[in-house]
């Protein structure tokens, strides 16, 4: 997967659709892992982003 700068992601970014689906399904750890793959974020930043999505 292509890594991108976190600041370039928007709520309607299609790459985040799967992350949002995982969050909605209660699969937080998998959502964090995928978010990190997409964005290159560290664990804490990814966890915080997932918490904001929940």
PDB file of N, CA and C in Angstrom:
ATOM      1  N   UNK A   1       0.829  -1.183   0.000  1.00  0.00           N
ATOM      2  CA  UNK A   1       0.000   0.000   0.000  1.00  0.00           C
ATOM      3  C   UNK A   1       0.872   1.245   0.000  1.00  0.00           C
ATOM      4  N   UNK A   2       0.383   2.258  -0.642  1.00  0.00           N
ATOM      5  CA  UNK A   2       1.084   3.533  -0.697  1.00  0.00           C
ATOM      6  C   UNK A   2       0.990   4.236   0.649  1.00  0.00           C
ATOM      7  N   UNK A   3       2.111   4.713   1.142  1.00  0.00           N
ATOM      8  CA  UNK A   3       2.108   5.472   2.390  1.00  0.00           C
ATOM      9  C   UNK A   3       1.958   6.945   2.064  1.00  0.00           C
ATOM     10  N   UNK A   4       1.177   7.624   2.887  1.00  0.00           N
ATOM     11  CA  UNK A   4       0.918   9.039   2.660  1.00  0.00           C
ATOM     12  C   UNK A   4       1.079   9.803   3.951  1.00  0.00           C
ATOM     13  N   UNK A   5       1.256  11.096   3.834  1.00  0.00           N
ATOM     14  CA  UNK A   5       1.322  11.991   4.977  1.00  0.00           C
ATOM     15  C   UNK A   5      -0.071  12.054   5.603  1.00  0.00           C
ATOM     16  N   UNK A   6      -0.155  11.892   6.919  1.00  0.00           N
ATOM     17  CA  UNK A   6      -1.447  11.924   7.620  1.00  0.00           C
ATOM     18  C   UNK A   6      -2.234  13.184   7.311  1.00  0.00           C
ATOM     19  N   UNK A   7      -1.549  14.303   7.154  1.00  0.00           N
ATOM     20  CA  UNK A   7      -2.242  15.570   6.946  1.00  0.00           C
ATOM     21  C   UNK A   7      -2.934  15.633   5.594  1.00  0.00           C
ATOM     22  N   UNK A   8      -2.573  14.727   4.680  1.00  0.00           N
ATOM     23  CA  UNK A   8      -3.195  14.747   3.357  1.00  0.00           C
ATOM     24  C   UNK A   8      -4.473  13.911   3.293  1.00  0.00           C
ATOM     25  N   UNK A   9      -4.782  13.178   4.363  1.00  0.00           N
ATOM     26  CA  UNK A   9      -5.981  12.353   4.382  1.00  0.00           C
ATOM     27  C   UNK A   9      -7.197  13.200   4.722  1.00  0.00           C
ATOM     28  N   UNK A  10      -8.295  12.889   4.052  1.00  0.00           N
ATOM     29  CA  UNK A  10      -9.561  13.563   4.342  1.00  0.00           C
ATOM     30  C   UNK A  10     -10.571  12.499   4.751  1.00  0.00           C
ATOM     31  N   UNK A  11     -11.621  12.939   5.414  1.00  0.00           N
ATOM     32  CA  UNK A  11     -12.644  11.996   5.883  1.00  0.00           C
ATOM     33  C   UNK A  11     -13.262  11.189   4.751  1.00  0.00           C
ATOM     34  N   UNK A  12     -13.334  11.774   3.545  1.00  0.00           N
ATOM     35  CA  UNK A  12     -13.963  11.070   2.432  1.00  0.00           C
ATOM     36  C   UNK A  12     -12.948  10.338   1.561  1.00  0.00           C
ATOM     37  N   UNK A  13     -11.735  10.162   2.055  1.00  0.00           N
ATOM     38  CA  UNK A  13     -10.686   9.468   1.305  1.00  0.00           C
ATOM     39  C   UNK A  13     -11.078   8.003   1.134  1.00  0.00           C
ATOM     40  N   UNK A  14     -11.144   7.512  -0.089  1.00  0.00           N
ATOM     41  CA  UNK A  14     -11.583   6.130  -0.304  1.00  0.00           C
ATOM     42  C   UNK A  14     -10.656   5.080   0.316  1.00  0.00           C
ATOM     43  N   UNK A  15      -9.407   5.428   0.542  1.00  0.00           N
ATOM     44  CA  UNK A  15      -8.485   4.472   1.162  1.00  0.00           C
ATOM     45  C   UNK A  15      -8.853   4.191   2.603  1.00  0.00           C
ATOM     46  N   UNK A  16      -9.628   5.077   3.203  1.00  0.00           N
ATOM     47  CA  UNK A  16     -10.000   4.881   4.603  1.00  0.00           C
ATOM     48  C   UNK A  16     -11.321   4.131   4.771  1.00  0.00           C
ATOM     49  N   UNK A  17     -11.981   3.812   3.684  1.00  0.00           N
ATOM     50  CA  UNK A  17     -13.273   3.115   3.772  1.00  0.00           C
ATOM     51  C   UNK A  17     -13.149   1.790   4.519  1.00  0.00           C
ATOM     52  N   UNK A  18     -12.086   1.054   4.229  1.00  0.00           N
ATOM     53  CA  UNK A  18     -11.908  -0.227   4.915  1.00  0.00           C
ATOM     54  C   UNK A  18     -11.586  -0.012   6.395  1.00  0.00           C
ATOM     55  N   UNK A  19     -10.821   1.030   6.710  1.00  0.00           N
ATOM     56  CA  UNK A  19     -10.516   1.349   8.109  1.00  0.00           C
ATOM     57  C   UNK A  19     -11.810   1.658   8.857  1.00  0.00           C
ATOM     58  N   UNK A  20     -12.654   2.476   8.263  1.00  0.00           N
ATOM     59  CA  UNK A  20     -13.928   2.834   8.886  1.00  0.00           C
ATOM     60  C   UNK A  20     -14.794   1.590   9.076  1.00  0.00           C
ATOM     61  N   UNK A  21     -14.803   0.708   8.078  1.00  0.00           N
ATOM     62  CA  UNK A  21     -15.589  -0.526   8.189  1.00  0.00           C
ATOM     63  C   UNK A  21     -15.089  -1.382   9.351  1.00  0.00           C
ATOM     64  N   UNK A  22     -13.778  -1.461   9.523  1.00  0.00           N
ATOM     65  CA  UNK A  22     -13.218  -2.230  10.638  1.00  0.00           C
ATOM     66  C   UNK A  22     -13.596  -1.605  11.979  1.00  0.00           C
ATOM     67  N   UNK A  23     -13.544  -0.293  12.063  1.00  0.00           N
ATOM     68  CA  UNK A  23     -13.931   0.397  13.304  1.00  0.00           C
ATOM     69  C   UNK A  23     -15.387   0.097  13.627  1.00  0.00           C
ATOM     70  N   UNK A  24     -16.239   0.207  12.629  1.00  0.00           N
ATOM     71  CA  UNK A  24     -17.676  -0.044  12.833  1.00  0.00           C
ATOM     72  C   UNK A  24     -17.954  -1.484  13.239  1.00  0.00           C
ATOM     73  N   UNK A  25     -17.089  -2.403  12.791  1.00  0.00           N
ATOM     74  CA  UNK A  25     -17.255  -3.817  13.128  1.00  0.00           C
ATOM     75  C   UNK A  25     -16.622  -4.160  14.477  1.00  0.00           C
ATOM     76  N   UNK A  26     -16.051  -3.141  15.148  1.00  0.00           N
ATOM     77  CA  UNK A  26     -15.443  -3.369  16.448  1.00  0.00           C
ATOM     78  C   UNK A  26     -14.061  -3.988  16.390  1.00  0.00           C
ATOM     79  N   UNK A  27     -13.413  -3.926  15.241  1.00  0.00           N
ATOM     80  CA  UNK A  27     -12.089  -4.530  15.050  1.00  0.00           C
ATOM     81  C   UNK A  27     -11.018  -3.440  15.109  1.00  0.00           C
ATOM     82  N   UNK A  28     -10.868  -2.870  16.300  1.00  0.00           N
ATOM     83  CA  UNK A  28     -10.000  -1.713  16.501  1.00  0.00           C
ATOM     84  C   UNK A  28      -8.536  -2.011  16.169  1.00  0.00           C
ATOM     85  N   UNK A  29      -8.019  -3.133  16.613  1.00  0.00           N
ATOM     86  CA  UNK A  29      -6.610  -3.453  16.372  1.00  0.00           C
ATOM     87  C   UNK A  29      -6.332  -3.589  14.879  1.00  0.00           C
ATOM     88  N   UNK A  30      -7.203  -4.285  14.172  1.00  0.00           N
ATOM     89  CA  UNK A  30      -7.025  -4.412  12.721  1.00  0.00           C
ATOM     90  C   UNK A  30      -7.136  -3.060  12.035  1.00  0.00           C
ATOM     91  N   UNK A  31      -8.036  -2.208  12.527  1.00  0.00           N
ATOM     92  CA  UNK A  31      -8.192  -0.862  11.970  1.00  0.00           C
ATOM     93  C   UNK A  31      -6.923  -0.043  12.191  1.00  0.00           C
ATOM     94  N   UNK A  32      -6.338  -0.152  13.369  1.00  0.00           N
ATOM     95  CA  UNK A  32      -5.099   0.572  13.662  1.00  0.00           C
ATOM     96  C   UNK A  32      -3.977   0.097  12.739  1.00  0.00           C
ATOM     97  N   UNK A  33      -3.849  -1.211  12.590  1.00  0.00           N
ATOM     98  CA  UNK A  33      -2.800  -1.754  11.720  1.00  0.00           C
ATOM     99  C   UNK A  33      -2.951  -1.254  10.287  1.00  0.00           C
ATOM    100  N   UNK A  34      -4.166  -1.295   9.777  1.00  0.00           N
ATOM    101  CA  UNK A  34      -4.402  -0.848   8.407  1.00  0.00           C
ATOM    102  C   UNK A  34      -4.159   0.648   8.275  1.00  0.00           C
ATOM    103  N   UNK A  35      -4.612   1.421   9.232  1.00  0.00           N
ATOM    104  CA  UNK A  35      -4.398   2.864   9.218  1.00  0.00           C
ATOM    105  C   UNK A  35      -2.905   3.168   9.176  1.00  0.00           C
ATOM    106  N   UNK A  36      -2.127   2.439   9.958  1.00  0.00           N
ATOM    107  CA  UNK A  36      -0.675   2.645   9.976  1.00  0.00           C
ATOM    108  C   UNK A  36      -0.060   2.291   8.639  1.00  0.00           C
ATOM    109  N   UNK A  37      -0.528   1.225   7.999  1.00  0.00           N
ATOM    110  CA  UNK A  37      -0.012   0.850   6.677  1.00  0.00           C
ATOM    111  C   UNK A  37      -0.297   1.939   5.657  1.00  0.00           C
ATOM    112  N   UNK A  38      -1.491   2.490   5.708  1.00  0.00           N
ATOM    113  CA  UNK A  38      -1.896   3.508   4.743  1.00  0.00           C
ATOM    114  C   UNK A  38      -1.146   4.813   4.967  1.00  0.00           C
ATOM    115  N   UNK A  39      -1.023   5.205   6.225  1.00  0.00           N
ATOM    116  CA  UNK A  39      -0.511   6.540   6.533  1.00  0.00           C
ATOM    117  C   UNK A  39       0.950   6.598   6.945  1.00  0.00           C
ATOM    118  N   UNK A  40       1.485   5.485   7.443  1.00  0.00           N
ATOM    119  CA  UNK A  40       2.830   5.503   7.992  1.00  0.00           C
ATOM    120  C   UNK A  40       2.879   6.094   9.390  1.00  0.00           C
ATOM    121  N   UNK A  41       1.712   6.278  10.007  1.00  0.00           N
ATOM    122  CA  UNK A  41       1.627   6.867  11.350  1.00  0.00           C
ATOM    123  C   UNK A  41       2.223   5.918  12.387  1.00  0.00           C
ATOM    124  N   UNK A  42       2.696   6.495  13.487  1.00  0.00           N
ATOM    125  CA  UNK A  42       3.151   5.644  14.585  1.00  0.00           C
ATOM    126  C   UNK A  42       1.917   5.085  15.305  1.00  0.00           C
ATOM    127  N   UNK A  43       2.151   4.160  16.233  1.00  0.00           N
ATOM    128  CA  UNK A  43       1.023   3.492  16.883  1.00  0.00           C
ATOM    129  C   UNK A  43       0.121   4.475  17.616  1.00  0.00           C
ATOM    130  N   UNK A  44       0.708   5.374  18.383  1.00  0.00           N
ATOM    131  CA  UNK A  44      -0.099   6.298  19.185  1.00  0.00           C
ATOM    132  C   UNK A  44      -0.975   7.184  18.306  1.00  0.00           C
ATOM    133  N   UNK A  45      -0.404   7.735  17.239  1.00  0.00           N
ATOM    134  CA  UNK A  45      -1.180   8.595  16.346  1.00  0.00           C
ATOM    135  C   UNK A  45      -2.298   7.808  15.662  1.00  0.00           C
ATOM    136  N   UNK A  46      -1.992   6.569  15.253  1.00  0.00           N
ATOM    137  CA  UNK A  46      -3.008   5.735  14.622  1.00  0.00           C
ATOM    138  C   UNK A  46      -4.125   5.392  15.611  1.00  0.00           C
ATOM    139  N   UNK A  47      -3.741   5.040  16.826  1.00  0.00           N
ATOM    140  CA  UNK A  47      -4.727   4.727  17.856  1.00  0.00           C
ATOM    141  C   UNK A  47      -5.627   5.919  18.143  1.00  0.00           C
ATOM    142  N   UNK A  48      -5.035   7.097  18.235  1.00  0.00           N
ATOM    143  CA  UNK A  48      -5.827   8.303  18.478  1.00  0.00           C
ATOM    144  C   UNK A  48      -6.790   8.560  17.326  1.00  0.00           C
ATOM    145  N   UNK A  49      -6.332   8.354  16.101  1.00  0.00           N
ATOM    146  CA  UNK A  49      -7.190   8.573  14.929  1.00  0.00           C
ATOM    147  C   UNK A  49      -8.356   7.584  14.942  1.00  0.00           C
ATOM    148  N   UNK A  50      -8.085   6.334  15.273  1.00  0.00           N
ATOM    149  CA  UNK A  50      -9.147   5.318  15.315  1.00  0.00           C
ATOM    150  C   UNK A  50     -10.129   5.653  16.422  1.00  0.00           C
ATOM    151  N   UNK A  51      -9.636   6.098  17.563  1.00  0.00           N
ATOM    152  CA  UNK A  51     -10.526   6.489  18.658  1.00  0.00           C
ATOM    153  C   UNK A  51     -11.442   7.631  18.230  1.00  0.00           C
ATOM    154  N   UNK A  52     -10.919   8.550  17.447  1.00  0.00           N
ATOM    155  CA  UNK A  52     -11.769   9.669  16.964  1.00  0.00           C
ATOM    156  C   UNK A  52     -12.821   9.168  15.985  1.00  0.00           C
ATOM    157  N   UNK A  53     -12.522   8.079  15.264  1.00  0.00           N
ATOM    158  CA  UNK A  53     -13.497   7.530  14.299  1.00  0.00           C
ATOM    159  C   UNK A  53     -14.612   6.779  15.012  1.00  0.00           C
ATOM    160  N   UNK A  54     -14.306   6.223  16.180  1.00  0.00           N
ATOM    161  CA  UNK A  54     -15.266   5.361  16.894  1.00  0.00           C
ATOM    162  C   UNK A  54     -16.412   6.153  17.452  1.00  0.00           C
TER     163      UNK A  54
END
